[in-house]
Each structure stands twice: as C-alpha cells, then as structure tokens.
Amino acid sequence: MTMAPGQPDEAHAQVDVETSATDGAVAIKGRTPWQIVRSRIRRDKVTMVALGICIVFALIGILSPVLDSLGLIDPYKGDIKLVQGVGSLPTGAMGGISATHWFGVEPGTGRDLFSRIMAGITTSLIVAVLATVFSILVGTILGLISGFAGGWLDWLISRTMDLVLSFPQTLMLLSLSTVMLGAMTDVLGFPRGAPATIAYLVLVLGFFGWPFFARIIRGQVLSLREREFVEAARSLGAKRGRLYFKELLPHLWAPILVYATLILPQNIAAEASLGFLGVGIQAPTPSLGSILNDSVVYANPDPAYFIFPGLMLSILVLSFNLLGDGLRDALDPKTGRS
C-alpha cells in the first residue's frame, strides 16, 4: 500500500511486449504504477460495479437539491388524500406505489417517499463526506508530524490518539448531543434544527475518526523518513513544511484514498444509526436515518415504507465497502495480480 505515483517498484516492474510485424523485433513498453492500478481495477468486475453504483449515489446527492429547486421532486409537500384509515396508511398496494409515486407515499403525511429518499441520500452523504474530510485532514497532518518528528512530540500525539480511541463513539454521540447542540446554537449561533445537528454530527464523527488515519499515516512516515529522497531534501536545506507536504505526502495518497473509501460508509451507517436512535437529524428534514426511524412504526402495516430506505442504505454502504476493498487490493504492491 506504500506504492506511490511515479515511483518504480521492483515487484511491479511489469512491461508490455509488442512484436513488430515487419522485422520481428520485440519492443518493450513499461507501465507506470497508476497504469497497473487502473488495469487491476478494470479487471475486477465487483469493484467496477461498486464504483458505478457509488457514482450513481454521488450524482443523486448532487442533483437532488437541483431537482427540488426545479420542482421535479418535493420531499416536504404532503397530500392527505393519498392516506386514509387507521394510522393514515397509504391507499393502494405496496405503500401507494403509482406512476407518480415510484416508492409510494409516507404514512400520515402523504409525502412522496422517492423524493424524501433522494433528499435523504444528499443529507447523509453531506454528513459522511464532511466528517471523512475532517478526519483525513486532522489525521494526515498529525500523523505526518508524529511519524517524522519522533521524540516527545510523537509520544504526545500517540497518547492523544489512544485517549480519543478509548471513548466509545456511539455512547459519546448520545451523551453529548444535548450539551453540544445547545452550545452550538446558543454560543456559536448555528440555526436550530437540522443545520446544528449536521454540524454536530460532522464534528463528532470527524473527531473520533482522525486517530485511525493518524495511525496509518504515522506508520507509513516511519518507513519513509529514512529514504534517500528525504535525506536528499534535508541535505539541501528543505524545511519541515516542504518535507511534510512536498516530499512525504505525495507518497501517502494510496493509503489515504483506500482508508477514506472504507471510513466513508462507516460514517453513513453511523448517521443512519443515530437518526434511528432519535439523536440524529430529525423529521421533517429527510435523511436515511430519520426516514428509517419513522418507518419502524409502520413496518408491519406498510412494509414498503421500511424496505425502500433500508434497501437504499444497505446498497450505499455495501457499494462503498466493496469499492474500498477493491482499491486496497489494486494499490497493494504485494498482490500478485497484474
């Protein structure tokens, strides 16, 4: 996983052999590490399918606010004419599925479930992506400093990682929600409701996620700091900033990319779990967690209301996990695949 772009690797000194049709001469064409990785990914059908699904979900997350502003979807508008009877269940089969409501309607309000799931994917991806970026930035910087500096600074950062990892993330999210949300709205001025909750989830998920990145980066830096290119930069008088971000960081993109694709689905699932537990984003703001939380009550009389958001969440998390596994295998210089 330490393979870097533009750096030769003896285990991967693979070549393409071309034979001339005229004189029978053999031409040898080398391949860069990135070309090898791209070839491996293309040959892995599971990873390619997962990549395609992840791209589709990313497009949904980006386009759903645009579709909402254009009036093509509306996750907030309800129609009580579409629900009736005890519990205000949707009329028609499978939760009121029709040509205008592809996933049916929401019990009690008659809101279009397809629109709410699309908007919910956007909200969940915003939380997960921002939390992952937070973890990457903090973890990469502290991991670089810890691995390169050594001494008391390495000891202090390492013990801080151990301290953060000693707290159970879910328990801390549950216990700190009331205090943190109050502080964010009263002291920092965040609007109450969904904006404050989104900021809280990003902050806490990112805070408890950075030690994993920092440990991986620290381990990579410990093996890189004695390499010749680092010693050469030192001998030329390069300062710490250049050593960190010009010499070491370009060699760390592979583990950062792989771990980002693995921690992103964890953050998506964490947001959904907190919404299910009632401390995440709450209705009427749609998120996959809040929709699942509301759908539990109707699991028996209206199973479609529970199945569709649960299925979308499962596919989303599974796709990112499979993509992360495929990238890890493709970027691993010890793998035997070409």
Foldseek 3Di string as FASTA:
>chain_A
DLDFWPDDDPLQQDWDWDADPPPRDIDTGTDTLVRLLVVLCVVPVLLVVLVVVLVVLVVLLVCLVVCCVVVVFPLPAFDLVQFDDVQRFGPDPQQQDDPSQNLHADGPGRHRLVSLLSLQSNLLLVLLVLLLVLLQVVLLVLLLCLQQVPDPSVVVSVVVLVVLQVDDLLVCLVVCLVVQLVCCCPPVNQDPAQRSQSVSSSVSSSSSRNSVSSVVSSVSSNVVCPDPVNVVCVVVPDDPVCCSVVPRVSSCVLVSVLVSLLCSLVSSVSQLVCLLVPRHHEPPRGHLNNQCNVCVVCCPVNVSSNPVSVVVSVSNSVSSNSNSVSSVQSSDSPDPDD
